[in-house]
Amino acid sequence: MNANRIIDMIVRQVMRRLVTRGVDKGFDLADRATRKPGQQSQARDPQTDRRMAQSAGGQSPSMKQAKQLTRQMRRFMRF
C-alpha cells in the first residue's frame, strides 16, 4: 500500500466524521428552531425516561442491541 492510498483513507474517515457531526448538529438546530418555547425535545420526554428506567437494566432491548452493534462496528472502523 502506498502513501497516497493511506492518506486518502485517513482523509475519507475524517471527512465522514465531520459530515456526520455536521448533520447531527443541523438536526439538533432544526429541532430547537421548530420547538415552541418551554417545550422539551422528544429525546427528554419524561414518559420515555420512566419506561427506560422500568425496563431491565434501564435500557430497552432495542437500545441494548444498538449499543452492541455499535461496539462491533467500532472494531472494524478503526484505522
Protein backbone atom coordinates (compact mmCIF):
# COMPACT_ATOMS: atom_id res chain seq x y z
CA MET A 1 0.00 0.00 0.00
CA ASN A 2 1.50 3.32 -0.97
CA ALA A 3 1.39 6.60 0.96
CA ASN A 4 -1.23 8.14 -1.35
CA ARG A 5 -3.77 5.41 -0.54
CA ILE A 6 -3.09 5.73 3.19
CA ILE A 7 -3.58 9.50 3.10
CA ASP A 8 -6.78 9.10 1.06
CA MET A 9 -8.11 6.58 3.58
CA ILE A 10 -7.40 8.88 6.53
CA VAL A 11 -8.94 11.91 4.79
CA ARG A 12 -12.04 9.87 3.93
CA GLN A 13 -12.53 8.80 7.56
CA VAL A 14 -12.02 12.33 8.89
CA MET A 15 -14.45 13.76 6.34
CA ARG A 16 -17.03 11.10 7.19
CA ARG A 17 -16.84 12.00 10.87
CA LEU A 18 -17.05 15.73 10.16
CA VAL A 19 -20.06 15.32 7.87
CA THR A 20 -21.82 13.10 10.43
CA ARG A 21 -21.27 15.68 13.17
CA GLY A 22 -22.49 18.45 10.88
CA VAL A 23 -25.66 16.57 10.01
CA ASP A 24 -26.32 15.81 13.69
CA LYS A 25 -25.82 19.46 14.62
CA GLY A 26 -28.12 20.52 11.79
CA PHE A 27 -30.89 18.23 13.01
CA ASP A 28 -30.44 19.48 16.57
CA LEU A 29 -30.62 23.08 15.36
CA ALA A 30 -33.75 22.36 13.30
CA ASP A 31 -35.33 20.66 16.32
CA ARG A 32 -34.64 23.68 18.51
CA ALA A 33 -35.92 26.08 15.84
CA THR A 34 -39.23 24.25 15.39
CA ARG A 35 -39.85 23.66 19.08
CA LYS A 36 -42.19 26.00 20.91
CA PRO A 37 -40.78 27.97 23.87
CA GLY A 38 -40.97 25.89 27.04
CA GLN A 39 -41.48 22.63 25.12
CA GLN A 40 -38.96 19.88 25.71
CA SER A 41 -37.42 17.90 22.90
CA GLN A 42 -38.73 14.39 22.36
CA ALA A 43 -35.44 12.90 23.49
CA ARG A 44 -36.01 14.20 27.03
CA ASP A 45 -39.65 13.06 27.29
CA PRO A 46 -40.34 12.14 30.98
CA GLN A 47 -42.63 9.28 30.00
CA THR A 48 -39.93 7.73 27.84
CA ASP A 49 -37.42 8.16 30.68
CA ARG A 50 -39.80 6.33 33.03
CA ARG A 51 -40.24 3.45 30.58
CA MET A 52 -36.50 3.17 30.16
CA ALA A 53 -35.98 3.03 33.93
CA GLN A 54 -38.61 0.29 34.30
CA SER A 55 -37.05 -1.96 31.67
CA ALA A 56 -34.31 -4.41 32.58
CA GLY A 57 -31.08 -2.62 33.34
CA GLY A 58 -32.59 0.76 32.48
CA GLN A 59 -32.38 0.10 28.73
CA SER A 60 -34.86 -1.23 26.23
CA PRO A 61 -33.88 -4.36 24.28
CA SER A 62 -33.51 -2.37 21.07
CA MET A 63 -31.15 0.05 22.82
CA LYS A 64 -29.04 -2.86 24.05
CA GLN A 65 -28.88 -4.24 20.51
CA ALA A 66 -27.90 -0.82 19.16
CA LYS A 67 -25.07 -0.48 21.69
CA GLN A 68 -23.85 -3.97 20.93
CA LEU A 69 -23.89 -3.27 17.20
CA THR A 70 -22.01 0.00 17.77
CA ARG A 71 -19.31 -1.85 19.73
CA GLN A 72 -18.95 -4.41 16.97
CA MET A 73 -18.74 -1.74 14.28
CA ARG A 74 -16.04 0.18 16.14
CA ARG A 75 -13.77 -2.80 15.88
CA PHE A 76 -13.86 -2.62 12.09
CA MET A 77 -13.84 1.18 11.72
CA ARG A 78 -10.54 1.89 13.49
CA PHE A 79 -7.53 2.86 11.45
